[in-house]
Amino acid sequence: MRCRHARRLILEESGSRSSEIAEHLAACPDCSAYSRHWNQLRRGLGRIAADPAPAPTFGFAQRVSRRLPEALGVERAGEAFLERTGRRFVYAALLATLVLFLVLLVPRTSPVRSSEAAVEIELAQPEASAAQNYPLFSGQLLANDFEFAAQSGGH
């Protein structure tokens, strides 16, 4: 007989042992210990069942009925729906507030707000740098012209 089959028969027996189980328990120390522990547990549970149950305290039934869904892990569908909906509403409100602050804080003339302003800034910078390199607007050409005019007699 295998240990699994012997243990199943130990759990099912009601007091009388067959000769097969007795032979297996004599040969197998693990199943023998299992049988002893099972018999001790059965006797202990029998003693507990023989004791009278204590009288419930005031409000016992209400406390048990209130805690029963928590103990079973059952959530009420309505409460779960409201919690999910409320959480989504809070997230949406936070996102809308963030977008509103960004819209109000970014200036209207910044390159981010207007693509035309960005183009104007980019075009204005090369013109200014080109004007500095142009000989007509440089200070050296004007100084040289005044010196030339002074040497030639005013013309």
C-alpha atoms as a PDB file:
ATOM      1  CA  MET A   1       0.000   0.000   0.000  1.00  0.00           C
ATOM      2  CA  ARG A   2       1.243   3.489  -0.835  1.00  0.00           C
ATOM      3  CA  CYS A   3       1.469   6.270   1.755  1.00  0.00           C
ATOM      4  CA  ARG A   4      -1.059   8.484  -0.041  1.00  0.00           C
ATOM      5  CA  HIS A   5      -3.692   5.742  -0.041  1.00  0.00           C
ATOM      6  CA  ALA A   6      -2.951   4.857   3.613  1.00  0.00           C
ATOM      7  CA  ARG A   7      -3.318   8.497   4.733  1.00  0.00           C
ATOM      8  CA  ARG A   8      -6.622   8.819   2.908  1.00  0.00           C
ATOM      9  CA  LEU A   9      -7.893   5.701   4.699  1.00  0.00           C
ATOM     10  CA  ILE A  10      -6.646   7.080   8.056  1.00  0.00           C
ATOM     11  CA  LEU A  11      -8.692  10.248   7.511  1.00  0.00           C
ATOM     12  CA  GLU A  12     -11.794   8.272   6.507  1.00  0.00           C
ATOM     13  CA  GLU A  13     -11.712   5.665   9.266  1.00  0.00           C
ATOM     14  CA  SER A  14     -14.145   6.028  12.107  1.00  0.00           C
ATOM     15  CA  GLY A  15     -12.338   4.015  14.765  1.00  0.00           C
ATOM     16  CA  SER A  16     -11.769   0.540  13.339  1.00  0.00           C
ATOM     17  CA  ARG A  17      -8.546  -0.155  11.465  1.00  0.00           C
ATOM     18  CA  SER A  18      -8.132  -2.641   8.721  1.00  0.00           C
ATOM     19  CA  SER A  19      -5.246  -5.072   8.713  1.00  0.00           C
ATOM     20  CA  GLU A  20      -3.715  -3.385   5.623  1.00  0.00           C
ATOM     21  CA  ILE A  21      -3.477  -0.006   7.376  1.00  0.00           C
ATOM     22  CA  ALA A  22      -2.099  -1.601  10.552  1.00  0.00           C
ATOM     23  CA  GLU A  23       0.637  -3.386   8.530  1.00  0.00           C
ATOM     24  CA  HIS A  24       1.522  -0.149   6.692  1.00  0.00           C
ATOM     25  CA  LEU A  25       1.669   1.868   9.926  1.00  0.00           C
ATOM     26  CA  ALA A  26       3.992  -0.737  11.470  1.00  0.00           C
ATOM     27  CA  ALA A  27       6.319  -0.493   8.439  1.00  0.00           C
ATOM     28  CA  CYS A  28       6.158   3.279   7.730  1.00  0.00           C
ATOM     29  CA  PRO A  29       7.210   5.689  10.533  1.00  0.00           C
ATOM     30  CA  ASP A  30       5.932   8.780   8.638  1.00  0.00           C
ATOM     31  CA  CYS A  31       2.412   7.407   8.278  1.00  0.00           C
ATOM     32  CA  SER A  32       2.498   6.200  11.892  1.00  0.00           C
ATOM     33  CA  ALA A  33       3.302   9.760  13.081  1.00  0.00           C
ATOM     34  CA  TYR A  34       0.605  11.110  10.748  1.00  0.00           C
ATOM     35  CA  SER A  35      -1.943   8.719  12.286  1.00  0.00           C
ATOM     36  CA  ARG A  36      -0.969   9.724  15.850  1.00  0.00           C
ATOM     37  CA  HIS A  37      -1.280  13.456  15.054  1.00  0.00           C
ATOM     38  CA  TRP A  38      -4.627  12.936  13.341  1.00  0.00           C
ATOM     39  CA  ASN A  39      -6.006  11.007  16.315  1.00  0.00           C
ATOM     40  CA  GLN A  40      -4.826  13.718  18.750  1.00  0.00           C
ATOM     41  CA  LEU A  41      -6.473  16.402  16.609  1.00  0.00           C
ATOM     42  CA  ARG A  42      -9.714  14.449  16.417  1.00  0.00           C
ATOM     43  CA  ARG A  43      -9.809  13.971  20.222  1.00  0.00           C
ATOM     44  CA  GLY A  44      -9.054  17.682  20.813  1.00  0.00           C
ATOM     45  CA  LEU A  45     -11.795  18.809  18.452  1.00  0.00           C
ATOM     46  CA  GLY A  46     -14.202  16.400  20.199  1.00  0.00           C
ATOM     47  CA  ARG A  47     -13.420  18.007  23.582  1.00  0.00           C
ATOM     48  CA  ILE A  48     -13.967  21.495  22.183  1.00  0.00           C
ATOM     49  CA  ALA A  49     -17.290  20.434  20.685  1.00  0.00           C
ATOM     50  CA  ALA A  50     -18.391  19.064  24.073  1.00  0.00           C
ATOM     51  CA  ASP A  51     -17.894  22.465  25.798  1.00  0.00           C
ATOM     52  CA  PRO A  52     -20.914  24.771  25.746  1.00  0.00           C
ATOM     53  CA  ALA A  53     -20.626  27.848  23.541  1.00  0.00           C
ATOM     54  CA  PRO A  54     -20.314  31.179  25.363  1.00  0.00           C
ATOM     55  CA  ALA A  55     -23.201  33.617  25.236  1.00  0.00           C
ATOM     56  CA  PRO A  56     -22.715  36.339  22.612  1.00  0.00           C
ATOM     57  CA  THR A  57     -22.117  39.900  23.759  1.00  0.00           C
ATOM     58  CA  PHE A  58     -24.307  42.880  22.945  1.00  0.00           C
ATOM     59  CA  GLY A  59     -24.024  43.789  19.223  1.00  0.00           C
ATOM     60  CA  PHE A  60     -22.276  40.551  18.270  1.00  0.00           C
ATOM     61  CA  ALA A  61     -24.530  39.829  15.291  1.00  0.00           C
ATOM     62  CA  GLN A  62     -24.107  43.353  13.894  1.00  0.00           C
ATOM     63  CA  ARG A  63     -20.301  43.190  14.205  1.00  0.00           C
ATOM     64  CA  VAL A  64     -20.175  39.821  12.485  1.00  0.00           C
ATOM     65  CA  SER A  65     -22.489  40.876   9.660  1.00  0.00           C
ATOM     66  CA  ARG A  66     -20.492  44.093   9.154  1.00  0.00           C
ATOM     67  CA  ARG A  67     -17.144  42.270   8.993  1.00  0.00           C
ATOM     68  CA  LEU A  68     -18.329  39.312   6.941  1.00  0.00           C
ATOM     69  CA  PRO A  69     -17.813  40.911   3.481  1.00  0.00           C
ATOM     70  CA  GLU A  70     -14.300  42.044   4.523  1.00  0.00           C
ATOM     71  CA  ALA A  71     -13.425  38.554   5.721  1.00  0.00           C
ATOM     72  CA  LEU A  72     -14.689  36.978   2.523  1.00  0.00           C
ATOM     73  CA  GLY A  73     -12.934  39.572   0.360  1.00  0.00           C
ATOM     74  CA  VAL A  74     -16.185  40.588  -1.292  1.00  0.00           C
ATOM     75  CA  GLU A  75     -16.516  44.222  -2.305  1.00  0.00           C
ATOM     76  CA  ARG A  76     -19.780  45.783  -3.065  1.00  0.00           C
ATOM     77  CA  ALA A  77     -19.975  46.591  -6.751  1.00  0.00           C
ATOM     78  CA  GLY A  78     -21.490  50.027  -6.196  1.00  0.00           C
ATOM     79  CA  GLU A  79     -18.788  51.130  -3.793  1.00  0.00           C
ATOM     80  CA  ALA A  80     -16.037  49.880  -6.086  1.00  0.00           C
ATOM     81  CA  PHE A  81     -17.599  51.707  -9.048  1.00  0.00           C
ATOM     82  CA  LEU A  82     -17.865  54.975  -7.112  1.00  0.00           C
ATOM     83  CA  GLU A  83     -14.294  54.671  -5.899  1.00  0.00           C
ATOM     84  CA  ARG A  84     -12.938  54.099  -9.422  1.00  0.00           C
ATOM     85  CA  THR A  85     -15.068  56.912 -10.854  1.00  0.00           C
ATOM     86  CA  GLY A  86     -14.046  59.315  -8.108  1.00  0.00           C
ATOM     87  CA  ARG A  87     -10.375  58.499  -8.586  1.00  0.00           C
ATOM     88  CA  ARG A  88     -10.654  59.109 -12.344  1.00  0.00           C
ATOM     89  CA  PHE A  89     -12.461  62.413 -11.747  1.00  0.00           C
ATOM     90  CA  VAL A  90      -9.679  63.589  -9.436  1.00  0.00           C
ATOM     91  CA  TYR A  91      -7.005  62.655 -11.993  1.00  0.00           C
ATOM     92  CA  ALA A  92      -8.890  64.472 -14.773  1.00  0.00           C
ATOM     93  CA  ALA A  93      -9.306  67.588 -12.607  1.00  0.00           C
ATOM     94  CA  LEU A  94      -5.593  67.623 -11.777  1.00  0.00           C
ATOM     95  CA  LEU A  95      -4.677  67.281 -15.440  1.00  0.00           C
ATOM     96  CA  ALA A  96      -7.051  70.098 -16.443  1.00  0.00           C
ATOM     97  CA  THR A  97      -5.598  72.341 -13.720  1.00  0.00           C
ATOM     98  CA  LEU A  98      -2.055  71.639 -14.895  1.00  0.00           C
ATOM     99  CA  VAL A  99      -2.948  72.468 -18.497  1.00  0.00           C
ATOM    100  CA  LEU A 100      -4.682  75.686 -17.404  1.00  0.00           C
ATOM    101  CA  PHE A 101      -1.636  76.804 -15.411  1.00  0.00           C
ATOM    102  CA  LEU A 102       0.659  76.093 -18.345  1.00  0.00           C
ATOM    103  CA  VAL A 103      -1.572  78.085 -20.695  1.00  0.00           C
ATOM    104  CA  LEU A 104      -1.694  81.040 -18.302  1.00  0.00           C
ATOM    105  CA  LEU A 105       1.989  81.018 -17.404  1.00  0.00           C
ATOM    106  CA  VAL A 106       3.453  80.818 -20.914  1.00  0.00           C
ATOM    107  CA  PRO A 107       3.646  84.398 -22.311  1.00  0.00           C
ATOM    108  CA  ARG A 108       1.766  85.164 -25.498  1.00  0.00           C
ATOM    109  CA  THR A 109       4.838  86.549 -27.324  1.00  0.00           C
ATOM    110  CA  SER A 110       7.108  83.630 -26.621  1.00  0.00           C
ATOM    111  CA  PRO A 111       8.321  81.377 -29.458  1.00  0.00           C
ATOM    112  CA  VAL A 112       6.264  78.586 -27.971  1.00  0.00           C
ATOM    113  CA  ARG A 113       2.969  80.479 -28.361  1.00  0.00           C
ATOM    114  CA  SER A 114       3.533  82.009 -31.801  1.00  0.00           C
ATOM    115  CA  SER A 115       5.392  80.422 -34.703  1.00  0.00           C
ATOM    116  CA  GLU A 116       5.559  83.831 -36.481  1.00  0.00           C
ATOM    117  CA  ALA A 117       7.531  85.335 -33.602  1.00  0.00           C
ATOM    118  CA  ALA A 118      10.030  82.492 -33.824  1.00  0.00           C
ATOM    119  CA  VAL A 119      10.498  83.107 -37.565  1.00  0.00           C
ATOM    120  CA  GLU A 120      10.942  86.866 -36.994  1.00  0.00           C
ATOM    121  CA  ILE A 121      13.591  86.283 -34.325  1.00  0.00           C
ATOM    122  CA  GLU A 122      15.501  83.859 -36.519  1.00  0.00           C
ATOM    123  CA  LEU A 123      15.419  86.232 -39.513  1.00  0.00           C
ATOM    124  CA  ALA A 124      16.394  89.310 -37.524  1.00  0.00           C
ATOM    125  CA  GLN A 125      19.577  87.831 -36.131  1.00  0.00           C
ATOM    126  CA  PRO A 126      21.363  87.131 -39.460  1.00  0.00           C
ATOM    127  CA  GLU A 127      20.515  90.643 -40.726  1.00  0.00           C
ATOM    128  CA  ALA A 128      22.084  92.250 -37.659  1.00  0.00           C
ATOM    129  CA  SER A 129      25.255  90.212 -37.998  1.00  0.00           C
ATOM    130  CA  ALA A 130      25.451  91.013 -41.729  1.00  0.00           C
ATOM    131  CA  ALA A 131      25.074  94.741 -41.021  1.00  0.00           C
ATOM    132  CA  GLN A 132      28.056  94.659 -38.694  1.00  0.00           C
ATOM    133  CA  ASN A 133      30.275  93.182 -41.398  1.00  0.00           C
ATOM    134  CA  TYR A 134      29.097  95.597 -44.110  1.00  0.00           C
ATOM    135  CA  PRO A 135      31.802  98.272 -44.705  1.00  0.00           C
ATOM    136  CA  LEU A 136      29.328 101.137 -45.031  1.00  0.00           C
ATOM    137  CA  PHE A 137      28.099 100.694 -41.445  1.00  0.00           C
ATOM    138  CA  SER A 138      31.443  99.888 -39.849  1.00  0.00           C
ATOM    139  CA  GLY A 139      33.221 102.607 -37.886  1.00  0.00           C
ATOM    140  CA  GLN A 140      36.554 102.120 -39.713  1.00  0.00           C
ATOM    141  CA  LEU A 141      35.230 103.237 -43.081  1.00  0.00           C
ATOM    142  CA  LEU A 142      33.726 106.431 -41.636  1.00  0.00           C
ATOM    143  CA  ALA A 143      36.962 107.303 -39.845  1.00  0.00           C
ATOM    144  CA  ASN A 144      38.978 106.729 -43.025  1.00  0.00           C
ATOM    145  CA  ASP A 145      36.586 108.930 -45.072  1.00  0.00           C
ATOM    146  CA  PHE A 146      36.928 111.822 -42.631  1.00  0.00           C
ATOM    147  CA  GLU A 147      40.712 111.605 -42.745  1.00  0.00           C
ATOM    148  CA  PHE A 148      40.668 111.488 -46.556  1.00  0.00           C
ATOM    149  CA  ALA A 149      38.293 114.453 -46.719  1.00  0.00           C
ATOM    150  CA  ALA A 150      40.488 116.496 -44.349  1.00  0.00           C
ATOM    151  CA  GLN A 151      43.622 115.830 -46.454  1.00  0.00           C
ATOM    152  CA  SER A 152      41.950 116.658 -49.767  1.00  0.00           C
ATOM    153  CA  GLY A 153      40.624 119.980 -48.598  1.00  0.00           C
ATOM    154  CA  GLY A 154      37.103 119.331 -47.388  1.00  0.00           C
ATOM    155  CA  HIS A 155      35.671 117.455 -50.346  1.00  0.00           C
END
